[in-house]
Every structure is written in structure tokens, then in C-alpha cells.
Amino acid sequence: MAKNVLGKELIPCSFEPLTGYYRDGCCHTGEEDLGAHTVCAIVTEEFLQFSRRRGNDLITPRPEYRFPGLKPGDRWCLCALRWVEAYRAGVAPPIILEATHEKTLQYVSLDVLIEYSV
């Protein structure tokens, strides 16, 4: 059973759009998930534009990767390092602690995550 950053059972992040490295709705991770898609975020326009400028376009649909394209308000499992990068740039989106995988704590403190939780 996967745990969240609060040490409890990880809950789903989103089924619509279907998120997660494994496209199972949860921010599960494993050895093959090199990007650590562990942060359940509620994406904002500001974050989406930041990510696009950084070379990761999360807005444009990519059906070949089962990626619908995101809009503000969507929940999505973000790479932990991208979220930290956005945090340092002042554009980190809010997160859902209960759906954020405990591995995220290897990249950022719980105090910071709590500050951005909804």
C-alpha cells in the first residue's frame, strides 16, 4: 500500500483527466518512473505557462501518450523536481497532500508542502 506525505494511504489524484505515471489516477511511482511523478497538483494557468516555457508543454493534447492536455483547475501528478522548480520561481500550484506520494519528501520538506496544500 502506497503512502502519502502524511504517512497515510495514498488516495487518487484524478480520474478525469486520468493522471499518474501508470495512468491509474494515483501519483504512484516506481523505479521506472525516473521523473518521480509524485505531486498531486491543481494546475494553474501561471504554472502551465511556466512549464511550457521550461520545455514541458502540458497544455497541448498528445493522444499518442494518452495525454489530454491540461487546463487550469485540473489535478495532475507532477514531477517532484518540476514542482520544486516552480516553487523556487514563485509559481508552484497548490497540492493535495493526501494524494501526494511520500517519495516527494525526498525533494521538498513537509512544511513547504503543507504551505501549498488545499
Protein backbone atom coordinates (compact mmCIF):
# COMPACT_ATOMS: atom_id res chain seq x y z
CA MET A 1 0.00 0.00 0.00
CA ALA A 2 1.48 3.31 -1.11
CA LYS A 3 1.67 6.09 1.46
CA ASN A 4 1.16 9.82 1.09
CA VAL A 5 3.31 12.57 2.60
CA LEU A 6 1.22 12.40 5.78
CA GLY A 7 2.07 8.71 6.26
CA LYS A 8 -1.43 7.53 5.40
CA GLU A 9 -2.80 5.55 2.46
CA LEU A 10 -2.33 7.38 -0.84
CA ILE A 11 -5.66 8.45 -2.32
CA PRO A 12 -6.35 9.05 -6.03
CA CYS A 13 -5.39 12.37 -7.58
CA SER A 14 -7.60 12.40 -10.70
CA PHE A 15 -9.51 10.10 -13.00
CA GLU A 16 -10.66 12.97 -15.24
CA PRO A 17 -8.20 13.67 -16.69
CA LEU A 18 -6.65 10.29 -15.96
CA THR A 19 -3.31 11.02 -14.32
CA GLY A 20 -0.34 9.23 -12.83
CA TYR A 21 2.81 7.76 -14.31
CA TYR A 22 0.90 4.49 -14.64
CA ARG A 23 -2.32 6.28 -15.71
CA ASP A 24 -4.15 4.76 -12.77
CA GLY A 25 -5.42 8.02 -11.27
CA CYS A 26 -2.82 7.99 -8.48
CA CYS A 27 0.62 9.51 -8.05
CA HIS A 28 2.20 6.07 -7.62
CA THR A 29 5.87 5.74 -8.52
CA GLY A 30 8.43 3.04 -9.12
CA GLU A 31 11.97 2.52 -10.35
CA GLU A 32 10.95 3.09 -13.98
CA ASP A 33 9.40 6.49 -13.10
CA LEU A 34 12.60 8.49 -13.48
CA GLY A 35 10.71 11.79 -13.18
CA ALA A 36 9.08 10.90 -9.85
CA HIS A 37 5.51 11.90 -10.83
CA THR A 38 4.52 12.09 -7.18
CA VAL A 39 2.98 15.53 -6.54
CA CYS A 40 -0.80 15.78 -6.91
CA ALA A 41 -1.23 19.38 -8.02
CA ILE A 42 -4.16 21.52 -9.05
CA VAL A 43 -2.59 23.21 -12.04
CA THR A 44 -2.89 26.94 -12.57
CA GLU A 45 -2.53 28.99 -15.73
CA GLU A 46 0.62 30.53 -14.29
CA PHE A 47 2.16 27.11 -13.68
CA LEU A 48 1.13 25.77 -17.10
CA GLN A 49 2.79 28.72 -18.84
CA PHE A 50 5.90 28.34 -16.66
CA SER A 51 6.15 24.66 -17.54
CA ARG A 52 5.67 25.40 -21.25
CA ARG A 53 8.49 27.98 -21.13
CA ARG A 54 10.68 25.32 -19.49
CA GLY A 55 10.07 22.97 -22.42
CA ASN A 56 7.30 20.83 -20.93
CA ASP A 57 4.05 21.73 -22.67
CA LEU A 58 1.25 20.38 -20.50
CA ILE A 59 -1.44 22.27 -22.42
CA THR A 60 -1.30 20.66 -25.86
CA PRO A 61 -3.04 17.26 -26.10
CA ARG A 62 -0.77 14.31 -27.03
CA PRO A 63 -3.12 11.37 -27.68
CA GLU A 64 -0.22 9.09 -28.60
CA TYR A 65 0.84 9.30 -24.94
CA ARG A 66 -2.73 9.19 -23.59
CA PHE A 67 -2.29 12.84 -22.59
CA PRO A 68 -5.40 15.04 -22.94
CA GLY A 69 -3.75 18.41 -22.36
CA LEU A 70 -4.41 20.30 -19.14
CA LYS A 71 -6.37 23.39 -18.24
CA PRO A 72 -6.34 25.42 -15.03
CA GLY A 73 -8.10 23.56 -12.24
CA ASP A 74 -7.16 20.08 -13.46
CA ARG A 75 -5.49 17.76 -10.98
CA TRP A 76 -2.31 16.17 -12.28
CA CYS A 77 0.60 14.13 -10.93
CA LEU A 78 3.59 16.39 -11.48
CA CYS A 79 7.26 15.51 -11.40
CA ALA A 80 8.53 16.39 -7.95
CA LEU A 81 11.53 18.29 -9.31
CA ARG A 82 9.33 20.36 -11.66
CA TRP A 83 7.11 21.31 -8.73
CA VAL A 84 10.19 22.29 -6.70
CA GLU A 85 11.47 24.33 -9.65
CA ALA A 86 8.12 26.12 -9.85
CA TYR A 87 8.17 26.66 -6.10
CA ARG A 88 11.58 28.34 -6.33
CA ALA A 89 10.29 30.51 -9.19
CA GLY A 90 7.22 31.53 -7.17
CA VAL A 91 4.67 29.79 -9.42
CA ALA A 92 4.08 26.45 -7.70
CA PRO A 93 0.49 25.24 -7.96
CA PRO A 94 -1.47 24.14 -4.90
CA ILE A 95 -1.32 20.46 -3.99
CA ILE A 96 -3.41 17.78 -2.37
CA LEU A 97 -1.37 16.25 0.45
CA GLU A 98 -3.45 13.09 0.76
CA ALA A 99 -2.81 12.29 -2.93
CA THR A 100 0.89 13.27 -2.96
CA HIS A 101 3.21 10.27 -2.69
CA GLU A 102 5.62 10.07 0.25
CA LYS A 103 8.60 9.94 -2.14
CA THR A 104 8.04 13.67 -2.66
CA LEU A 105 9.62 14.22 0.75
CA GLN A 106 12.98 13.30 -0.81
CA TYR A 107 12.76 16.56 -2.78
CA VAL A 108 10.91 19.03 -0.55
CA SER A 109 10.01 19.36 3.12
CA LEU A 110 6.58 18.60 4.51
CA ASP A 111 6.41 22.15 5.88
CA VAL A 112 6.63 23.57 2.34
CA LEU A 113 4.07 21.08 1.04
CA ILE A 114 1.66 21.99 3.84
CA GLU A 115 2.05 25.67 2.92
CA TYR A 116 0.80 24.85 -0.60
CA SER A 117 -1.91 22.36 0.36
CA VAL A 118 -5.62 22.86 -0.24
